[in-house]
C-alpha cells in the first residue's frame, strides 16, 4: 500500500525551547482508518495540525500525500488542502452562511460548476440526515447537527484523506454514533484514508483500524 503520511525524526513545537512531539517515526497507509489517542495536552491535536500544514515541522521530515511539509510553499499547501477533508471539534462553520453554502465551500474553492455543487450538496444533506434543516444557519442548529454539516463539508469534494480532531468530543450519543458511521462509510465505501484524534476509541466502531498512542512526546502503535 502507498503511504499517505510518512514522518521521520519529526519534531513539532510552538516555540523552539519546548517540543510537543519529539523525534517520532510514523507511517500511515492509503485507505486505512487510524486512531490517534493520548491524554489532554499530549500533542495529538498538534500532530494532526502538522498533517494539514497548520504547524510546520521544526525538525525532521513529514510527507503528506507525497508533499514534504517542511518549508512547503503556499501554492503547494493550498493544492494539498484541496484533497483533504478536515473535521474540527468546534465545527468551524461560517455562521453567516446557510448550511448549504457551508457544505459547498470546498467545491467553490475547487472551481466546481454551480449545478454540480448544488447536486452534491443535496446528496450530502440527505447522507448526513439534515435535509429537514435546509436553508438554516449554523447558530440555529444543535452541536450534533452542526458537526453533521461539518462532516458533509469534509466529504463534499471526495477527499483522499479526512483528518478529524475530536470529532465527537462535545456530542450526544446519537450524533457521535452517526459521525463515526459516516467516517466508517467514507473509509470502507470510498477508500478514503481517515485519521481521527480522540480520547477514546468508540466501542461501536466496525472497521479494521490502526491505533497509535502519544505519550511524553513519543508515539507508538497499540497492537
C-alpha atoms as a PDB file:
ATOM      1  CA  UNK A   1       0.000   0.000   0.000  1.00  0.00           C
ATOM      2  CA  UNK A   2       1.087   3.569  -0.641  1.00  0.00           C
ATOM      3  CA  UNK A   3       1.940   5.714   2.347  1.00  0.00           C
ATOM      4  CA  UNK A   4      -0.264   8.793   2.558  1.00  0.00           C
ATOM      5  CA  UNK A   5       1.598  10.115   5.630  1.00  0.00           C
ATOM      6  CA  UNK A   6       5.233   9.422   6.399  1.00  0.00           C
ATOM      7  CA  UNK A   7       7.133  11.066   9.263  1.00  0.00           C
ATOM      8  CA  UNK A   8      10.797  10.519  10.024  1.00  0.00           C
ATOM      9  CA  UNK A   9      12.550  12.060  13.036  1.00  0.00           C
ATOM     10  CA  UNK A  10       9.646  14.514  13.245  1.00  0.00           C
ATOM     11  CA  UNK A  11       9.748  17.170  15.956  1.00  0.00           C
ATOM     12  CA  UNK A  12       6.904  19.672  16.427  1.00  0.00           C
ATOM     13  CA  UNK A  13       6.942  22.726  18.667  1.00  0.00           C
ATOM     14  CA  UNK A  14       5.175  26.053  19.107  1.00  0.00           C
ATOM     15  CA  UNK A  15       8.437  27.581  20.304  1.00  0.00           C
ATOM     16  CA  UNK A  16      11.980  26.347  19.792  1.00  0.00           C
ATOM     17  CA  UNK A  17      12.637  25.763  23.501  1.00  0.00           C
ATOM     18  CA  UNK A  18       9.886  23.218  24.155  1.00  0.00           C
ATOM     19  CA  UNK A  19       8.957  20.423  21.742  1.00  0.00           C
ATOM     20  CA  UNK A  20       5.498  18.838  21.889  1.00  0.00           C
ATOM     21  CA  UNK A  21       6.231  15.925  19.558  1.00  0.00           C
ATOM     22  CA  UNK A  22       9.814  14.747  19.775  1.00  0.00           C
ATOM     23  CA  UNK A  23      11.708  12.865  17.060  1.00  0.00           C
ATOM     24  CA  UNK A  24       8.929  10.432  16.091  1.00  0.00           C
ATOM     25  CA  UNK A  25       8.569   7.959  13.232  1.00  0.00           C
ATOM     26  CA  UNK A  26       5.110   7.362  11.765  1.00  0.00           C
ATOM     27  CA  UNK A  27       3.701   5.716   8.666  1.00  0.00           C
ATOM     28  CA  UNK A  28       0.026   5.769   7.624  1.00  0.00           C
ATOM     29  CA  UNK A  29      -1.099   3.814   4.579  1.00  0.00           C
ATOM     30  CA  UNK A  30      -3.578   4.932   1.958  1.00  0.00           C
ATOM     31  CA  UNK A  31      -7.190   3.806   2.566  1.00  0.00           C
ATOM     32  CA  UNK A  32      -6.511   2.961   6.227  1.00  0.00           C
ATOM     33  CA  UNK A  33      -8.510   4.020   9.289  1.00  0.00           C
ATOM     34  CA  UNK A  34      -6.276   5.342  12.059  1.00  0.00           C
ATOM     35  CA  UNK A  35      -6.977   6.447  15.612  1.00  0.00           C
ATOM     36  CA  UNK A  36      -4.519   8.647  17.489  1.00  0.00           C
ATOM     37  CA  UNK A  37      -5.109   8.748  21.244  1.00  0.00           C
ATOM     38  CA  UNK A  38      -3.411  10.414  24.173  1.00  0.00           C
ATOM     39  CA  UNK A  39      -4.117  12.414  27.300  1.00  0.00           C
ATOM     40  CA  UNK A  40      -5.135  16.067  27.099  1.00  0.00           C
ATOM     41  CA  UNK A  41      -2.084  18.115  26.182  1.00  0.00           C
ATOM     42  CA  UNK A  42      -0.165  15.088  24.899  1.00  0.00           C
ATOM     43  CA  UNK A  43       0.203  16.576  21.429  1.00  0.00           C
ATOM     44  CA  UNK A  44      -2.283  14.545  19.395  1.00  0.00           C
ATOM     45  CA  UNK A  45      -4.059  17.630  18.015  1.00  0.00           C
ATOM     46  CA  UNK A  46      -0.665  19.257  17.420  1.00  0.00           C
ATOM     47  CA  UNK A  47       0.338  16.259  15.314  1.00  0.00           C
ATOM     48  CA  UNK A  48      -2.904  16.444  13.338  1.00  0.00           C
ATOM     49  CA  UNK A  49      -2.322  20.154  12.654  1.00  0.00           C
ATOM     50  CA  UNK A  50       1.003  19.324  11.050  1.00  0.00           C
ATOM     51  CA  UNK A  51      -0.773  16.956   8.621  1.00  0.00           C
ATOM     52  CA  UNK A  52      -2.692  19.849   7.031  1.00  0.00           C
ATOM     53  CA  UNK A  53       0.050  22.442   7.325  1.00  0.00           C
ATOM     54  CA  UNK A  54      -1.223  24.477  10.270  1.00  0.00           C
ATOM     55  CA  UNK A  55       2.083  23.768  12.039  1.00  0.00           C
ATOM     56  CA  UNK A  56       5.359  23.271  10.195  1.00  0.00           C
ATOM     57  CA  UNK A  57       7.881  20.656  11.333  1.00  0.00           C
ATOM     58  CA  UNK A  58      10.644  22.077  13.483  1.00  0.00           C
ATOM     59  CA  UNK A  59      12.946  19.186  12.663  1.00  0.00           C
ATOM     60  CA  UNK A  60      12.808  16.016  10.601  1.00  0.00           C
ATOM     61  CA  UNK A  61      10.665  15.148   7.616  1.00  0.00           C
ATOM     62  CA  UNK A  62       6.886  14.966   7.195  1.00  0.00           C
ATOM     63  CA  UNK A  63       5.449  13.891   3.862  1.00  0.00           C
ATOM     64  CA  UNK A  64       1.663  14.117   3.364  1.00  0.00           C
ATOM     65  CA  UNK A  65       0.150  12.998   0.070  1.00  0.00           C
ATOM     66  CA  UNK A  66       3.587  12.925  -1.469  1.00  0.00           C
ATOM     67  CA  UNK A  67       4.350  16.516  -0.409  1.00  0.00           C
ATOM     68  CA  UNK A  68       7.147  17.485   2.016  1.00  0.00           C
ATOM     69  CA  UNK A  69       5.557  19.736   4.670  1.00  0.00           C
ATOM     70  CA  UNK A  70       8.730  21.337   5.978  1.00  0.00           C
ATOM     71  CA  UNK A  71       9.228  24.612   4.126  1.00  0.00           C
ATOM     72  CA  UNK A  72       6.181  23.968   1.938  1.00  0.00           C
ATOM     73  CA  UNK A  73       5.221  26.784  -0.435  1.00  0.00           C
ATOM     74  CA  UNK A  74       1.734  28.238  -0.029  1.00  0.00           C
ATOM     75  CA  UNK A  75       0.774  27.187  -3.568  1.00  0.00           C
ATOM     76  CA  UNK A  76       1.630  23.539  -2.846  1.00  0.00           C
ATOM     77  CA  UNK A  77      -0.095  23.689   0.532  1.00  0.00           C
ATOM     78  CA  UNK A  78      -3.300  25.057  -0.999  1.00  0.00           C
ATOM     79  CA  UNK A  79      -3.197  22.279  -3.614  1.00  0.00           C
ATOM     80  CA  UNK A  80      -2.763  19.636  -0.907  1.00  0.00           C
ATOM     81  CA  UNK A  81      -5.601  21.030   1.201  1.00  0.00           C
ATOM     82  CA  UNK A  82      -7.954  20.757  -1.767  1.00  0.00           C
ATOM     83  CA  UNK A  83      -7.535  16.991  -1.424  1.00  0.00           C
ATOM     84  CA  UNK A  84      -8.112  16.852   2.340  1.00  0.00           C
ATOM     85  CA  UNK A  85     -11.285  16.932   4.414  1.00  0.00           C
ATOM     86  CA  UNK A  86     -10.901  18.376   7.909  1.00  0.00           C
ATOM     87  CA  UNK A  87     -13.349  17.970  10.789  1.00  0.00           C
ATOM     88  CA  UNK A  88     -12.808  20.036  13.940  1.00  0.00           C
ATOM     89  CA  UNK A  89     -14.290  19.556  17.397  1.00  0.00           C
ATOM     90  CA  UNK A  90     -15.671  23.118  17.290  1.00  0.00           C
ATOM     91  CA  UNK A  91     -17.052  22.652  13.720  1.00  0.00           C
ATOM     92  CA  UNK A  92     -15.588  25.912  12.270  1.00  0.00           C
ATOM     93  CA  UNK A  93     -18.687  26.649  10.208  1.00  0.00           C
ATOM     94  CA  UNK A  94     -19.302  30.118   8.764  1.00  0.00           C
ATOM     95  CA  UNK A  95     -22.174  31.425  10.903  1.00  0.00           C
ATOM     96  CA  UNK A  96     -23.352  33.932   8.300  1.00  0.00           C
ATOM     97  CA  UNK A  97     -23.735  31.254   5.605  1.00  0.00           C
ATOM     98  CA  UNK A  98     -26.561  28.763   5.170  1.00  0.00           C
ATOM     99  CA  UNK A  99     -25.704  25.146   5.821  1.00  0.00           C
ATOM    100  CA  UNK A 100     -25.824  24.532   2.063  1.00  0.00           C
ATOM    101  CA  UNK A 101     -23.194  27.183   1.379  1.00  0.00           C
ATOM    102  CA  UNK A 102     -21.028  25.840   4.227  1.00  0.00           C
ATOM    103  CA  UNK A 103     -21.065  22.383   2.639  1.00  0.00           C
ATOM    104  CA  UNK A 104     -20.332  23.921  -0.743  1.00  0.00           C
ATOM    105  CA  UNK A 105     -17.177  25.747   0.406  1.00  0.00           C
ATOM    106  CA  UNK A 106     -14.620  23.107  -0.755  1.00  0.00           C
ATOM    107  CA  UNK A 107     -16.450  22.850  -4.084  1.00  0.00           C
ATOM    108  CA  UNK A 108     -16.284  26.621  -4.557  1.00  0.00           C
ATOM    109  CA  UNK A 109     -12.552  26.584  -3.782  1.00  0.00           C
ATOM    110  CA  UNK A 110     -12.009  23.736  -6.247  1.00  0.00           C
ATOM    111  CA  UNK A 111     -13.917  25.554  -9.008  1.00  0.00           C
ATOM    112  CA  UNK A 112     -16.870  23.199  -9.437  1.00  0.00           C
ATOM    113  CA  UNK A 113     -19.798  24.426 -11.546  1.00  0.00           C
ATOM    114  CA  UNK A 114     -22.790  25.616  -9.522  1.00  0.00           C
ATOM    115  CA  UNK A 115     -25.183  22.956 -10.813  1.00  0.00           C
ATOM    116  CA  UNK A 116     -22.709  20.196  -9.897  1.00  0.00           C
ATOM    117  CA  UNK A 117     -22.172  21.770  -6.467  1.00  0.00           C
ATOM    118  CA  UNK A 118     -25.917  22.055  -5.857  1.00  0.00           C
ATOM    119  CA  UNK A 119     -26.428  18.366  -6.674  1.00  0.00           C
ATOM    120  CA  UNK A 120     -23.557  17.313  -4.397  1.00  0.00           C
ATOM    121  CA  UNK A 121     -24.878  19.430  -1.516  1.00  0.00           C
ATOM    122  CA  UNK A 122     -28.377  17.978  -1.871  1.00  0.00           C
ATOM    123  CA  UNK A 123     -26.950  14.454  -1.853  1.00  0.00           C
ATOM    124  CA  UNK A 124     -24.792  15.136   1.210  1.00  0.00           C
ATOM    125  CA  UNK A 125     -27.599  16.780   3.189  1.00  0.00           C
ATOM    126  CA  UNK A 126     -29.551  13.565   2.730  1.00  0.00           C
ATOM    127  CA  UNK A 127     -26.480  11.473   3.573  1.00  0.00           C
ATOM    128  CA  UNK A 128     -25.974  13.195   6.944  1.00  0.00           C
ATOM    129  CA  UNK A 129     -29.737  13.222   7.656  1.00  0.00           C
ATOM    130  CA  UNK A 130     -30.036  17.023   7.580  1.00  0.00           C
ATOM    131  CA  UNK A 131     -32.366  17.661   4.631  1.00  0.00           C
ATOM    132  CA  UNK A 132     -35.084  18.826   7.033  1.00  0.00           C
ATOM    133  CA  UNK A 133     -32.849  21.724   8.140  1.00  0.00           C
ATOM    134  CA  UNK A 134     -32.103  23.073   4.652  1.00  0.00           C
ATOM    135  CA  UNK A 135     -31.892  26.858   4.446  1.00  0.00           C
ATOM    136  CA  UNK A 136     -30.910  27.270   8.097  1.00  0.00           C
ATOM    137  CA  UNK A 137     -27.761  28.836   9.522  1.00  0.00           C
ATOM    138  CA  UNK A 138     -25.304  27.127  11.919  1.00  0.00           C
ATOM    139  CA  UNK A 139     -26.407  29.049  15.066  1.00  0.00           C
ATOM    140  CA  UNK A 140     -29.920  27.641  14.553  1.00  0.00           C
ATOM    141  CA  UNK A 141     -28.658  24.065  14.872  1.00  0.00           C
ATOM    142  CA  UNK A 142     -27.634  21.868  17.789  1.00  0.00           C
ATOM    143  CA  UNK A 143     -23.992  20.903  18.227  1.00  0.00           C
ATOM    144  CA  UNK A 144     -24.603  17.453  16.774  1.00  0.00           C
ATOM    145  CA  UNK A 145     -26.339  18.929  13.741  1.00  0.00           C
ATOM    146  CA  UNK A 146     -23.513  21.405  13.179  1.00  0.00           C
ATOM    147  CA  UNK A 147     -20.979  18.580  13.282  1.00  0.00           C
ATOM    148  CA  UNK A 148     -23.006  16.670  10.705  1.00  0.00           C
ATOM    149  CA  UNK A 149     -22.807  19.712   8.427  1.00  0.00           C
ATOM    150  CA  UNK A 150     -19.055  19.868   9.070  1.00  0.00           C
ATOM    151  CA  UNK A 151     -18.835  16.190   8.075  1.00  0.00           C
ATOM    152  CA  UNK A 152     -20.787  16.858   4.886  1.00  0.00           C
ATOM    153  CA  UNK A 153     -18.405  19.733   4.089  1.00  0.00           C
ATOM    154  CA  UNK A 154     -15.398  17.447   4.654  1.00  0.00           C
ATOM    155  CA  UNK A 155     -16.851  14.857   2.266  1.00  0.00           C
ATOM    156  CA  UNK A 156     -18.059  17.313  -0.398  1.00  0.00           C
ATOM    157  CA  UNK A 157     -15.018  17.207  -2.688  1.00  0.00           C
ATOM    158  CA  UNK A 158     -14.296  13.462  -2.331  1.00  0.00           C
ATOM    159  CA  UNK A 159     -11.031  13.953  -0.423  1.00  0.00           C
ATOM    160  CA  UNK A 160      -8.244  11.381  -0.404  1.00  0.00           C
ATOM    161  CA  UNK A 161      -7.988  11.764   3.374  1.00  0.00           C
ATOM    162  CA  UNK A 162     -10.154  13.020   6.234  1.00  0.00           C
ATOM    163  CA  UNK A 163      -8.450  14.447   9.322  1.00  0.00           C
ATOM    164  CA  UNK A 164     -10.796  14.537  12.306  1.00  0.00           C
ATOM    165  CA  UNK A 165      -9.826  16.311  15.542  1.00  0.00           C
ATOM    166  CA  UNK A 166     -12.004  15.056  18.435  1.00  0.00           C
ATOM    167  CA  UNK A 167     -14.992  14.996  16.050  1.00  0.00           C
ATOM    168  CA  UNK A 168     -17.452  13.733  18.693  1.00  0.00           C
ATOM    169  CA  UNK A 169     -15.982  15.291  21.844  1.00  0.00           C
ATOM    170  CA  UNK A 170     -18.970  17.551  22.553  1.00  0.00           C
ATOM    171  CA  UNK A 171     -21.771  15.445  21.097  1.00  0.00           C
ATOM    172  CA  UNK A 172     -24.587  13.278  22.433  1.00  0.00           C
ATOM    173  CA  UNK A 173     -24.524   9.522  21.833  1.00  0.00           C
ATOM    174  CA  UNK A 174     -26.819   9.623  18.784  1.00  0.00           C
ATOM    175  CA  UNK A 175     -24.774  12.290  16.999  1.00  0.00           C
ATOM    176  CA  UNK A 176     -21.493  10.614  17.975  1.00  0.00           C
ATOM    177  CA  UNK A 177     -22.608   7.268  16.555  1.00  0.00           C
ATOM    178  CA  UNK A 178     -23.725   8.941  13.335  1.00  0.00           C
ATOM    179  CA  UNK A 179     -20.404  10.769  12.880  1.00  0.00           C
ATOM    180  CA  UNK A 180     -18.414   7.563  13.377  1.00  0.00           C
ATOM    181  CA  UNK A 181     -20.680   5.723  10.931  1.00  0.00           C
ATOM    182  CA  UNK A 182     -20.114   8.474   8.347  1.00  0.00           C
ATOM    183  CA  UNK A 183     -16.355   8.178   8.805  1.00  0.00           C
ATOM    184  CA  UNK A 184     -16.575   4.384   8.573  1.00  0.00           C
ATOM    185  CA  UNK A 185     -18.583   4.685   5.361  1.00  0.00           C
ATOM    186  CA  UNK A 186     -16.074   7.078   3.802  1.00  0.00           C
ATOM    187  CA  UNK A 187     -13.309   4.600   4.594  1.00  0.00           C
ATOM    188  CA  UNK A 188     -14.995   1.348   3.558  1.00  0.00           C
ATOM    189  CA  UNK A 189     -17.051   2.570   0.594  1.00  0.00           C
ATOM    190  CA  UNK A 190     -14.892   5.364  -0.852  1.00  0.00           C
ATOM    191  CA  UNK A 191     -11.481   4.065   0.364  1.00  0.00           C
ATOM    192  CA  UNK A 192     -10.821   7.445   1.971  1.00  0.00           C
ATOM    193  CA  UNK A 193      -7.992   7.460   4.498  1.00  0.00           C
ATOM    194  CA  UNK A 194      -9.340   8.511   7.902  1.00  0.00           C
ATOM    195  CA  UNK A 195      -7.112   9.830  10.682  1.00  0.00           C
ATOM    196  CA  UNK A 196      -9.069  10.567  13.855  1.00  0.00           C
ATOM    197  CA  UNK A 197      -7.729  12.097  17.055  1.00  0.00           C
ATOM    198  CA  UNK A 198      -9.805  11.080  20.059  1.00  0.00           C
ATOM    199  CA  UNK A 199      -9.628  10.456  23.794  1.00  0.00           C
ATOM    200  CA  UNK A 200     -11.481   7.160  23.465  1.00  0.00           C
ATOM    201  CA  UNK A 201     -11.967   4.761  20.578  1.00  0.00           C
ATOM    202  CA  UNK A 202     -15.730   4.095  20.317  1.00  0.00           C
ATOM    203  CA  UNK A 203     -16.807   0.552  21.143  1.00  0.00           C
ATOM    204  CA  UNK A 204     -19.245   0.622  18.237  1.00  0.00           C
ATOM    205  CA  UNK A 205     -16.533   1.077  15.609  1.00  0.00           C
ATOM    206  CA  UNK A 206     -16.943  -1.585  12.946  1.00  0.00           C
ATOM    207  CA  UNK A 207     -13.904  -1.251  10.696  1.00  0.00           C
ATOM    208  CA  UNK A 208     -10.350  -2.565  10.775  1.00  0.00           C
ATOM    209  CA  UNK A 209      -8.167   0.179  12.203  1.00  0.00           C
ATOM    210  CA  UNK A 210      -4.723   1.035  13.474  1.00  0.00           C
ATOM    211  CA  UNK A 211      -4.251   2.659  16.866  1.00  0.00           C
ATOM    212  CA  UNK A 212      -1.374   4.980  17.721  1.00  0.00           C
ATOM    213  CA  UNK A 213      -0.923   6.434  21.206  1.00  0.00           C
ATOM    214  CA  UNK A 214       1.030   9.568  22.112  1.00  0.00           C
ATOM    215  CA  UNK A 215       2.743   9.870  25.476  1.00  0.00           C
ATOM    216  CA  UNK A 216       5.549  12.164  26.641  1.00  0.00           C
ATOM    217  CA  UNK A 217       6.179  13.414  23.110  1.00  0.00           C
ATOM    218  CA  UNK A 218       6.577   9.922  21.656  1.00  0.00           C
ATOM    219  CA  UNK A 219       4.188   7.804  19.608  1.00  0.00           C
ATOM    220  CA  UNK A 220       3.769   4.043  19.476  1.00  0.00           C
ATOM    221  CA  UNK A 221       1.352   1.631  17.843  1.00  0.00           C
ATOM    222  CA  UNK A 222      -1.065  -0.201  20.124  1.00  0.00           C
ATOM    223  CA  UNK A 223      -1.411  -3.798  18.946  1.00  0.00           C
END
